[in-house]
Each structure stands twice: as structure tokens, then as C-alpha cells.
Amino acid sequence: MPLDWSPLVELLRRSHRPLLMTHVRPDADGLGSQLALADGLRGMGKGPRVVIASKFPPRYHFLDPGRAVVENFAPGDKFKSCDAVLVLDTGTWGQLGEFGSFLRSFPGP
């Protein structure tokens, strides 16, 4: 059965500043998904924010030299300006660390 991607496409079209998150202790799948989606969204004129909720693994520094794209998550209002959240490479609350609390109270999609 084919997947209906139209709800995701519509969400991405409506969102101007999405927050892209992956699981704690991110691996190449999670980081690569975030960075690729962020690049595509920037190509659409969007302003995505790429965030992780744990340390950036040194073996993946080549993906974001100088840490110009990937931000560290910290509780508070730093990410309240985001208008949507997309969690990539996990569907488990337990893999979100302290970001889970933020996501549960996030007012947007």
C-alpha cells in the first residue's frame, strides 16, 4: 500500500521555521536525515533549525565542521520561535531525552 506523503508535504509548505530533531546519541542516520532535510528546506526559502539533545559525536564532525548548523538542545525558550517540530529517525519518546518534555508542551504541529 503506497504511503500518503501529502500531510507532511503540506506541513513543510506551511512551516517557515521548523525544528528538526533526532534521537539522543545521534548516529549517521539521524544526523544525515536532519542535515539533508534542512538543506532541502533552505532551498525552499525556509529557516530550519537542526537540534540534538545530547553530545555531538566526534566521529561525525565532518558532517558539520565548526558546528555551524547543528545546535545543542537546552530547555527554555530558545526554540519557541519554531513553528513546527519534525522528529527524524525515531518514534520512541525514550530516545528524545529532555527534549521530550519540550515536545509534549510544544503548541504547534
Protein backbone atom coordinates (compact mmCIF):
# COMPACT_ATOMS: atom_id res chain seq x y z
CA MET A 1 0.00 0.00 0.00
CA PRO A 2 1.50 3.37 -1.01
CA LEU A 3 2.21 5.93 1.67
CA ASP A 4 0.34 9.25 1.52
CA TRP A 5 3.05 11.90 1.98
CA SER A 6 0.70 14.83 1.34
CA PRO A 7 0.17 15.72 5.05
CA LEU A 8 3.94 16.00 5.55
CA VAL A 9 4.38 17.98 2.34
CA GLU A 10 1.63 20.39 3.39
CA LEU A 11 3.15 20.79 6.87
CA LEU A 12 6.54 21.59 5.33
CA ARG A 13 4.98 24.11 2.94
CA ARG A 14 3.17 25.90 5.79
CA SER A 15 6.11 25.91 8.17
CA HIS A 16 8.67 28.69 7.91
CA ARG A 17 10.94 27.82 10.84
CA PRO A 18 10.75 24.09 11.59
CA LEU A 19 12.82 22.47 14.29
CA LEU A 20 14.45 19.21 13.18
CA MET A 21 15.33 16.76 15.97
CA THR A 22 16.66 13.22 16.12
CA HIS A 23 17.30 10.75 18.94
CA VAL A 24 19.89 11.14 21.70
CA ARG A 25 23.35 9.79 20.88
CA PRO A 26 22.71 10.59 17.23
CA ASP A 27 24.17 8.37 14.55
CA ALA A 28 24.78 8.95 10.86
CA ASP A 29 21.15 8.08 10.02
CA GLY A 30 19.72 10.68 12.36
CA LEU A 31 22.22 13.44 11.65
CA GLY A 32 22.20 12.79 7.92
CA SER A 33 18.39 12.93 7.85
CA GLN A 34 18.37 16.22 9.72
CA LEU A 35 21.04 17.84 7.58
CA ALA A 36 19.56 16.65 4.29
CA LEU A 37 16.05 17.83 5.19
CA ALA A 38 17.43 21.15 6.44
CA ASP A 39 19.27 21.65 3.15
CA GLY A 40 16.12 20.92 1.15
CA LEU A 41 14.05 23.26 3.31
CA ARG A 42 16.61 26.05 2.93
CA GLY A 43 16.30 25.55 -0.82
CA MET A 44 12.59 26.29 -0.41
CA GLY A 45 13.36 29.54 1.43
CA LYS A 46 12.68 28.10 4.90
CA GLY A 47 14.75 28.64 8.04
CA PRO A 48 15.05 25.23 9.71
CA ARG A 49 16.92 24.67 12.96
CA VAL A 50 18.80 21.40 13.43
CA VAL A 51 18.98 20.33 17.07
CA ILE A 52 20.33 17.41 19.08
CA ALA A 53 19.62 16.60 22.73
CA SER A 54 22.98 15.05 23.58
CA LYS A 55 26.66 15.42 22.74
CA PHE A 56 27.64 15.69 19.09
CA PRO A 57 29.65 12.52 18.39
CA PRO A 58 33.22 13.45 17.38
CA ARG A 59 33.29 10.86 14.60
CA TYR A 60 30.57 12.85 12.77
CA HIS A 61 32.19 16.30 12.99
CA PHE A 62 32.88 16.11 9.25
CA LEU A 63 29.11 16.44 8.70
CA ASP A 64 29.05 19.88 10.30
CA PRO A 65 32.59 21.27 10.53
CA GLY A 66 32.71 24.12 13.01
CA ARG A 67 29.21 23.25 14.24
CA ALA A 68 27.63 25.93 12.07
CA VAL A 69 24.33 24.06 11.64
CA VAL A 70 23.69 21.58 14.47
CA GLU A 71 22.66 23.19 17.76
CA ASN A 72 22.50 21.63 21.21
CA PHE A 73 19.08 21.49 22.82
CA ALA A 74 18.61 23.12 26.20
CA PRO A 75 15.28 23.56 28.00
CA GLY A 76 13.85 27.06 27.90
CA ASP A 77 12.52 29.48 25.34
CA LYS A 78 15.38 29.27 22.83
CA PHE A 79 13.28 27.24 20.35
CA LYS A 80 9.84 28.78 20.96
CA SER A 81 10.11 30.70 17.67
CA CYS A 82 9.92 27.43 15.73
CA ASP A 83 6.54 26.80 14.14
CA ALA A 84 6.73 23.01 13.74
CA VAL A 85 8.79 20.07 15.03
CA LEU A 86 9.88 17.09 12.97
CA VAL A 87 11.47 14.18 14.82
CA LEU A 88 13.62 12.07 12.50
CA ASP A 89 14.96 8.53 12.81
CA THR A 90 12.98 7.56 15.92
CA GLY A 91 9.40 7.10 17.04
CA THR A 92 10.19 6.47 20.69
CA TRP A 93 9.75 9.08 23.44
CA GLY A 94 12.51 7.44 25.48
CA GLN A 95 15.05 8.31 22.79
CA LEU A 96 14.37 12.04 22.98
CA GLY A 97 15.93 12.72 26.37
CA GLU A 98 14.98 16.07 27.89
CA PHE A 99 13.65 17.21 24.51
CA GLY A 100 10.60 15.02 25.15
CA SER A 101 9.21 17.45 27.74
CA PHE A 102 9.63 20.36 25.34
CA LEU A 103 7.88 18.42 22.57
CA ARG A 104 4.95 17.47 24.80
CA SER A 105 4.31 21.13 25.57
CA PHE A 106 5.05 22.47 22.08
CA PRO A 107 1.96 24.34 20.83
CA GLY A 108 2.47 23.65 17.11
CA PRO A 109 2.44 20.59 14.89
